[in-house]
PDB file of all heavy atoms in Angstrom:
ATOM      1  N   ASP A   1      79.105 -40.952  13.574  1.00  0.00           N
ATOM      2  CA  ASP A   1      79.923 -42.102  13.982  1.00  0.00           C
ATOM      3  C   ASP A   1      81.372 -41.938  13.517  1.00  0.00           C
ATOM      4  O   ASP A   1      82.020 -42.887  13.072  1.00  0.00           O
ATOM      5  CB  ASP A   1      79.353 -43.413  13.445  1.00  0.00           C
ATOM      6  CG  ASP A   1      78.115 -43.855  14.204  1.00  0.00           C
ATOM      7  OD1 ASP A   1      78.051 -43.595  15.421  1.00  0.00           O
ATOM      8  OD2 ASP A   1      77.222 -44.456  13.590  1.00  0.00           O
ATOM      9  N   SER A   2      81.889 -40.730  13.630  1.00  0.00           N
ATOM     10  CA  SER A   2      83.228 -40.433  13.126  1.00  0.00           C
ATOM     11  C   SER A   2      84.296 -41.290  13.791  1.00  0.00           C
ATOM     12  O   SER A   2      85.223 -41.777  13.126  1.00  0.00           O
ATOM     13  CB  SER A   2      83.556 -38.953  13.338  1.00  0.00           C
ATOM     14  OG  SER A   2      82.654 -38.134  12.635  1.00  0.00           O
ATOM     15  N   GLY A   3      84.181 -41.479  15.124  1.00  0.00           N
ATOM     16  CA  GLY A   3      85.181 -42.264  15.825  1.00  0.00           C
ATOM     17  C   GLY A   3      85.225 -43.690  15.328  1.00  0.00           C
ATOM     18  O   GLY A   3      86.310 -44.256  15.122  1.00  0.00           O
ATOM     19  N   MET A   4      84.073 -44.290  15.114  1.00  0.00           N
ATOM     20  CA  MET A   4      84.019 -45.660  14.622  1.00  0.00           C
ATOM     21  C   MET A   4      84.532 -45.742  13.180  1.00  0.00           C
ATOM     22  O   MET A   4      85.295 -46.644  12.828  1.00  0.00           O
ATOM     23  CB  MET A   4      82.595 -46.193  14.702  1.00  0.00           C
ATOM     24  CG  MET A   4      82.480 -47.659  14.340  1.00  0.00           C
ATOM     25  SD  MET A   4      80.773 -48.248  14.331  1.00  0.00           S
ATOM     26  CE  MET A   4      80.153 -47.390  12.872  1.00  0.00           C
ATOM     27  N   ARG A   5      84.139 -44.787  12.337  1.00  0.00           N
ATOM     28  CA  ARG A   5      84.551 -44.812  10.934  1.00  0.00           C
ATOM     29  C   ARG A   5      86.055 -44.589  10.795  1.00  0.00           C
ATOM     30  O   ARG A   5      86.705 -45.215   9.952  1.00  0.00           O
ATOM     31  CB  ARG A   5      83.789 -43.741  10.141  1.00  0.00           C
ATOM     32  CG  ARG A   5      82.272 -43.875  10.196  1.00  0.00           C
ATOM     33  CD  ARG A   5      81.782 -45.194   9.677  1.00  0.00           C
ATOM     34  NE  ARG A   5      80.349 -45.341   9.848  1.00  0.00           N
ATOM     35  CZ  ARG A   5      79.669 -46.458   9.639  1.00  0.00           C
ATOM     36  NH1 ARG A   5      80.309 -47.539   9.241  1.00  0.00           N
ATOM     37  NH2 ARG A   5      78.366 -46.516   9.830  1.00  0.00           N
ATOM     38  N   GLU A   6      86.612 -43.698  11.604  1.00  0.00           N
ATOM     39  CA  GLU A   6      88.054 -43.447  11.538  1.00  0.00           C
ATOM     40  C   GLU A   6      88.832 -44.699  11.928  1.00  0.00           C
ATOM     41  O   GLU A   6      89.865 -45.006  11.333  1.00  0.00           O
ATOM     42  CB  GLU A   6      88.421 -42.285  12.458  1.00  0.00           C
ATOM     43  CG  GLU A   6      87.952 -40.934  11.952  1.00  0.00           C
ATOM     44  CD  GLU A   6      88.157 -39.831  12.962  1.00  0.00           C
ATOM     45  OE1 GLU A   6      88.561 -40.122  14.110  1.00  0.00           O
ATOM     46  OE2 GLU A   6      87.907 -38.663  12.608  1.00  0.00           O
ATOM     47  N   ASN A   7      88.330 -45.412  12.927  1.00  0.00           N
ATOM     48  CA  ASN A   7      88.985 -46.655  13.323  1.00  0.00           C
ATOM     49  C   ASN A   7      88.876 -47.689  12.207  1.00  0.00           C
ATOM     50  O   ASN A   7      89.845 -48.376  11.880  1.00  0.00           O
ATOM     51  CB  ASN A   7      88.343 -47.181  14.610  1.00  0.00           C
ATOM     52  CG  ASN A   7      89.201 -48.190  15.320  1.00  0.00           C
ATOM     53  OD1 ASN A   7      89.412 -49.282  14.835  1.00  0.00           O
ATOM     54  ND2 ASN A   7      89.698 -47.812  16.491  1.00  0.00           N
ATOM     55  N   GLU A   8      87.718 -47.793  11.609  1.00  0.00           N
ATOM     56  CA  GLU A   8      87.485 -48.749  10.528  1.00  0.00           C
ATOM     57  C   GLU A   8      88.378 -48.457   9.331  1.00  0.00           C
ATOM     58  O   GLU A   8      88.890 -49.375   8.673  1.00  0.00           O
ATOM     59  CB  GLU A   8      86.017 -48.690  10.119  1.00  0.00           C
ATOM     60  CG  GLU A   8      85.596 -49.742   9.129  1.00  0.00           C
ATOM     61  CD  GLU A   8      84.089 -49.707   8.918  1.00  0.00           C
ATOM     62  OE1 GLU A   8      83.549 -48.612   8.637  1.00  0.00           O
ATOM     63  OE2 GLU A   8      83.460 -50.762   9.053  1.00  0.00           O
ATOM     64  N   ASP A   9      88.591 -47.167   9.038  1.00  0.00           N
ATOM     65  CA  ASP A   9      89.392 -46.763   7.886  1.00  0.00           C
ATOM     66  C   ASP A   9      90.885 -46.702   8.200  1.00  0.00           C
ATOM     67  O   ASP A   9      91.682 -46.391   7.314  1.00  0.00           O
ATOM     68  CB  ASP A   9      88.925 -45.396   7.378  1.00  0.00           C
ATOM     69  CG  ASP A   9      87.507 -45.436   6.829  1.00  0.00           C
ATOM     70  OD1 ASP A   9      87.045 -46.533   6.472  1.00  0.00           O
ATOM     71  OD2 ASP A   9      86.855 -44.367   6.785  1.00  0.00           O
ATOM     72  N   GLY A  10      91.263 -46.973   9.443  1.00  0.00           N
ATOM     73  CA  GLY A  10      92.678 -46.960   9.812  1.00  0.00           C
ATOM     74  C   GLY A  10      93.279 -45.578   9.883  1.00  0.00           C
ATOM     75  O   GLY A  10      94.493 -45.410   9.675  1.00  0.00           O
ATOM     76  N   ILE A  11      92.454 -44.571  10.180  1.00  0.00           N
ATOM     77  CA  ILE A  11      92.968 -43.201  10.313  1.00  0.00           C
ATOM     78  C   ILE A  11      93.935 -43.158  11.488  1.00  0.00           C
ATOM     79  O   ILE A  11      93.591 -43.528  12.616  1.00  0.00           O
ATOM     80  CB  ILE A  11      91.824 -42.190  10.531  1.00  0.00           C
ATOM     81  CG1 ILE A  11      90.815 -42.279   9.380  1.00  0.00           C
ATOM     82  CG2 ILE A  11      92.382 -40.783  10.669  1.00  0.00           C
ATOM     83  CD1 ILE A  11      91.376 -41.977   8.031  1.00  0.00           C
ATOM     84  N   GLY A  12      95.160 -42.699  11.244  1.00  0.00           N
ATOM     85  CA  GLY A  12      96.198 -42.762  12.272  1.00  0.00           C
ATOM     86  C   GLY A  12      96.027 -41.763  13.397  1.00  0.00           C
ATOM     87  O   GLY A  12      96.354 -42.047  14.545  1.00  0.00           O
ATOM     88  N   ASN A  13      95.527 -40.572  13.078  1.00  0.00           N
ATOM     89  CA  ASN A  13      95.393 -39.516  14.077  1.00  0.00           C
ATOM     90  C   ASN A  13      93.915 -39.353  14.440  1.00  0.00           C
ATOM     91  O   ASN A  13      93.108 -38.956  13.592  1.00  0.00           O
ATOM     92  CB  ASN A  13      95.947 -38.194  13.541  1.00  0.00           C
ATOM     93  CG  ASN A  13      97.402 -38.324  13.106  1.00  0.00           C
ATOM     94  OD1 ASN A  13      98.125 -39.205  13.566  1.00  0.00           O
ATOM     95  ND2 ASN A  13      97.830 -37.458  12.209  1.00  0.00           N
ATOM     96  N   ARG A  14      93.579 -39.684  15.660  1.00  0.00           N
ATOM     97  CA  ARG A  14      92.176 -39.604  16.073  1.00  0.00           C
ATOM     98  C   ARG A  14      92.087 -39.459  17.583  1.00  0.00           C
ATOM     99  O   ARG A  14      93.072 -39.622  18.294  1.00  0.00           O
ATOM    100  CB  ARG A  14      91.397 -40.838  15.605  1.00  0.00           C
ATOM    101  CG  ARG A  14      91.961 -42.170  16.060  1.00  0.00           C
ATOM    102  CD  ARG A  14      91.150 -43.315  15.469  1.00  0.00           C
ATOM    103  NE  ARG A  14      91.562 -44.612  15.978  1.00  0.00           N
ATOM    104  CZ  ARG A  14      92.437 -45.415  15.374  1.00  0.00           C
ATOM    105  NH1 ARG A  14      92.997 -45.025  14.238  1.00  0.00           N
ATOM    106  NH2 ARG A  14      92.731 -46.587  15.895  1.00  0.00           N
ATOM    107  N   GLN A  15      90.880 -39.185  18.069  1.00  0.00           N
ATOM    108  CA  GLN A  15      90.663 -39.047  19.502  1.00  0.00           C
ATOM    109  C   GLN A  15      89.295 -39.620  19.876  1.00  0.00           C
ATOM    110  O   GLN A  15      88.429 -39.773  19.020  1.00  0.00           O
ATOM    111  CB  GLN A  15      90.756 -37.589  19.950  1.00  0.00           C
ATOM    112  CG  GLN A  15      89.659 -36.700  19.392  1.00  0.00           C
ATOM    113  CD  GLN A  15      89.766 -35.265  19.878  1.00  0.00           C
ATOM    114  OE1 GLN A  15      90.825 -34.794  20.270  1.00  0.00           O
ATOM    115  NE2 GLN A  15      88.654 -34.557  19.854  1.00  0.00           N
ATOM    116  N   LYS A  16      89.150 -39.966  21.134  1.00  0.00           N
ATOM    117  CA  LYS A  16      87.854 -40.428  21.614  1.00  0.00           C
ATOM    118  C   LYS A  16      87.672 -40.017  23.064  1.00  0.00           C
ATOM    119  O   LYS A  16      88.645 -39.868  23.820  1.00  0.00           O
ATOM    120  CB  LYS A  16      87.706 -41.944  21.456  1.00  0.00           C
ATOM    121  CG  LYS A  16      88.778 -42.783  22.110  1.00  0.00           C
ATOM    122  CD  LYS A  16      88.645 -44.233  21.665  1.00  0.00           C
ATOM    123  CE  LYS A  16      89.819 -45.071  22.144  1.00  0.00           C
ATOM    124  NZ  LYS A  16      89.822 -46.425  21.555  1.00  0.00           N
ATOM    125  N   PHE A  17      86.406 -39.842  23.433  1.00  0.00           N
ATOM    126  CA  PHE A  17      86.049 -39.478  24.803  1.00  0.00           C
ATOM    127  C   PHE A  17      85.342 -40.663  25.457  1.00  0.00           C
ATOM    128  O   PHE A  17      84.591 -41.390  24.805  1.00  0.00           O
ATOM    129  CB  PHE A  17      85.116 -38.268  24.809  1.00  0.00           C
ATOM    130  CG  PHE A  17      85.771 -36.979  24.415  1.00  0.00           C
ATOM    131  CD1 PHE A  17      85.800 -36.577  23.084  1.00  0.00           C
ATOM    132  CD2 PHE A  17      86.353 -36.167  25.373  1.00  0.00           C
ATOM    133  CE1 PHE A  17      86.404 -35.397  22.713  1.00  0.00           C
ATOM    134  CE2 PHE A  17      86.964 -34.980  25.015  1.00  0.00           C
ATOM    135  CZ  PHE A  17      86.991 -34.590  23.681  1.00  0.00           C
ATOM    136  N   ARG A  18      85.580 -40.812  26.759  1.00  0.00           N
ATOM    137  CA  ARG A  18      84.915 -41.879  27.508  1.00  0.00           C
ATOM    138  C   ARG A  18      84.816 -41.485  28.972  1.00  0.00           C
ATOM    139  O   ARG A  18      85.596 -40.663  29.472  1.00  0.00           O
ATOM    140  CB  ARG A  18      85.676 -43.195  27.369  1.00  0.00           C
ATOM    141  CG  ARG A  18      87.073 -43.175  28.019  1.00  0.00           C
ATOM    142  CD  ARG A  18      87.885 -44.373  27.612  1.00  0.00           C
ATOM    143  NE  ARG A  18      89.213 -44.334  28.220  1.00  0.00           N
ATOM    144  CZ  ARG A  18      90.254 -45.024  27.751  1.00  0.00           C
ATOM    145  NH1 ARG A  18      90.116 -45.813  26.690  1.00  0.00           N
ATOM    146  NH2 ARG A  18      91.435 -44.956  28.361  1.00  0.00           N
ATOM    147  N   ILE A  19      83.839 -42.084  29.645  1.00  0.00           N
ATOM    148  CA  ILE A  19      83.713 -41.973  31.091  1.00  0.00           C
ATOM    149  C   ILE A  19      84.018 -43.340  31.668  1.00  0.00           C
ATOM    150  O   ILE A  19      83.540 -44.351  31.153  1.00  0.00           O
ATOM    151  CB  ILE A  19      82.305 -41.503  31.496  1.00  0.00           C
ATOM    152  CG1 ILE A  19      82.075 -40.059  31.037  1.00  0.00           C
ATOM    153  CG2 ILE A  19      82.116 -41.605  33.010  1.00  0.00           C
ATOM    154  CD1 ILE A  19      80.672 -39.554  31.301  1.00  0.00           C
ATOM    155  N   ARG A  20      84.780 -43.368  32.744  1.00  0.00           N
ATOM    156  CA  ARG A  20      85.271 -44.657  33.258  1.00  0.00           C
ATOM    157  C   ARG A  20      85.045 -44.780  34.761  1.00  0.00           C
ATOM    158  O   ARG A  20      85.242 -43.810  35.507  1.00  0.00           O
ATOM    159  CB  ARG A  20      86.758 -44.794  32.920  1.00  0.00           C
ATOM    160  CG  ARG A  20      87.418 -46.057  33.386  1.00  0.00           C
ATOM    161  CD  ARG A  20      88.772 -46.255  32.715  1.00  0.00           C
ATOM    162  NE  ARG A  20      88.609 -46.783  31.357  1.00  0.00           N
ATOM    163  CZ  ARG A  20      89.616 -47.193  30.593  1.00  0.00           C
ATOM    164  NH1 ARG A  20      90.852 -47.110  31.038  1.00  0.00           N
ATOM    165  NH2 ARG A  20      89.378 -47.679  29.391  1.00  0.00           N
ATOM    166  N   ILE A  21      84.603 -45.984  35.169  1.00  0.00           N
ATOM    167  CA  ILE A  21      84.504 -46.323  36.588  1.00  0.00           C
ATOM    168  C   ILE A  21      85.213 -47.655  36.810  1.00  0.00           C
ATOM    169  O   ILE A  21      85.447 -48.413  35.862  1.00  0.00           O
ATOM    170  CB  ILE A  21      83.030 -46.412  37.072  1.00  0.00           C
ATOM    171  CG1 ILE A  21      82.264 -47.469  36.285  1.00  0.00           C
ATOM    172  CG2 ILE A  21      82.353 -45.056  36.995  1.00  0.00           C
ATOM    173  CD1 ILE A  21      80.852 -47.706  36.801  1.00  0.00           C
ATOM    174  N   TYR A  22      85.532 -47.917  38.077  1.00  0.00           N
ATOM    175  CA  TYR A  22      86.288 -49.124  38.421  1.00  0.00           C
ATOM    176  C   TYR A  22      85.541 -49.926  39.482  1.00  0.00           C
ATOM    177  O   TYR A  22      85.002 -49.361  40.435  1.00  0.00           O
ATOM    178  CB  TYR A  22      87.679 -48.744  38.943  1.00  0.00           C
ATOM    179  CG  TYR A  22      88.491 -47.948  37.947  1.00  0.00           C
ATOM    180  CD1 TYR A  22      88.438 -46.554  37.935  1.00  0.00           C
ATOM    181  CD2 TYR A  22      89.293 -48.577  37.003  1.00  0.00           C
ATOM    182  CE1 TYR A  22      89.170 -45.815  37.017  1.00  0.00           C
ATOM    183  CE2 TYR A  22      90.033 -47.845  36.083  1.00  0.00           C
ATOM    184  CZ  TYR A  22      89.968 -46.472  36.095  1.00  0.00           C
ATOM    185  OH  TYR A  22      90.681 -45.739  35.174  1.00  0.00           O
ATOM    186  N   ASN A  23      85.530 -51.237  39.287  1.00  0.00           N
ATOM    187  CA  ASN A  23      84.905 -52.154  40.255  1.00  0.00           C
ATOM    188  C   ASN A  23      83.459 -51.780  40.562  1.00  0.00           C
ATOM    189  O   ASN A  23      82.991 -51.939  41.690  1.00  0.00           O
ATOM    190  CB  ASN A  23      85.733 -52.216  41.544  1.00  0.00           C
ATOM    191  CG  ASN A  23      87.099 -52.823  41.320  1.00  0.00           C
ATOM    192  OD1 ASN A  23      87.261 -53.749  40.529  1.00  0.00           O
ATOM    193  ND2 ASN A  23      88.101 -52.298  42.023  1.00  0.00           N
ATOM    194  N   HIS A  24      82.772 -51.234  39.562  1.00  0.00           N
ATOM    195  CA  HIS A  24      81.353 -50.864  39.686  1.00  0.00           C
ATOM    196  C   HIS A  24      81.108 -49.855  40.810  1.00  0.00           C
ATOM    197  O   HIS A  24      80.011 -49.771  41.359  1.00  0.00           O
ATOM    198  CB  HIS A  24      80.488 -52.110  39.923  1.00  0.00           C
ATOM    199  CG  HIS A  24      80.676 -53.165  38.888  1.00  0.00           C
ATOM    200  ND1 HIS A  24      80.813 -54.497  39.193  1.00  0.00           N
ATOM    201  CD2 HIS A  24      80.769 -53.082  37.537  1.00  0.00           C
ATOM    202  CE1 HIS A  24      80.977 -55.197  38.081  1.00  0.00           C
ATOM    203  NE2 HIS A  24      80.965 -54.361  37.063  1.00  0.00           N
ATOM    204  N   ASP A  25      82.134 -49.080  41.139  1.00  0.00           N
ATOM    205  CA  ASP A  25      82.059 -48.098  42.220  1.00  0.00           C
ATOM    206  C   ASP A  25      81.913 -46.707  41.608  1.00  0.00           C
ATOM    207  O   ASP A  25      82.819 -46.219  40.923  1.00  0.00           O
ATOM    208  CB  ASP A  25      83.334 -48.190  43.061  1.00  0.00           C
ATOM    209  CG  ASP A  25      83.336 -47.208  44.223  1.00  0.00           C
ATOM    210  OD1 ASP A  25      82.329 -46.499  44.416  1.00  0.00           O
ATOM    211  OD2 ASP A  25      84.358 -47.146  44.941  1.00  0.00           O
ATOM    212  N   ASP A  26      80.781 -46.057  41.854  1.00  0.00           N
ATOM    213  CA  ASP A  26      80.539 -44.744  41.259  1.00  0.00           C
ATOM    214  C   ASP A  26      81.003 -43.590  42.150  1.00  0.00           C
ATOM    215  O   ASP A  26      80.648 -42.440  41.905  1.00  0.00           O
ATOM    216  CB  ASP A  26      79.073 -44.574  40.889  1.00  0.00           C
ATOM    217  CG  ASP A  26      78.143 -44.659  42.091  1.00  0.00           C
ATOM    218  OD1 ASP A  26      78.645 -44.676  43.234  1.00  0.00           O
ATOM    219  OD2 ASP A  26      76.909 -44.698  41.893  1.00  0.00           O
TER     220      ASP A  26
END
């Protein structure tokens, strides 16, 4: 859970990955 912990600890330099869709259109 590095992404969550870095956010919780206020780590300034971080990255995250996500997949995104719009208007429920795949």
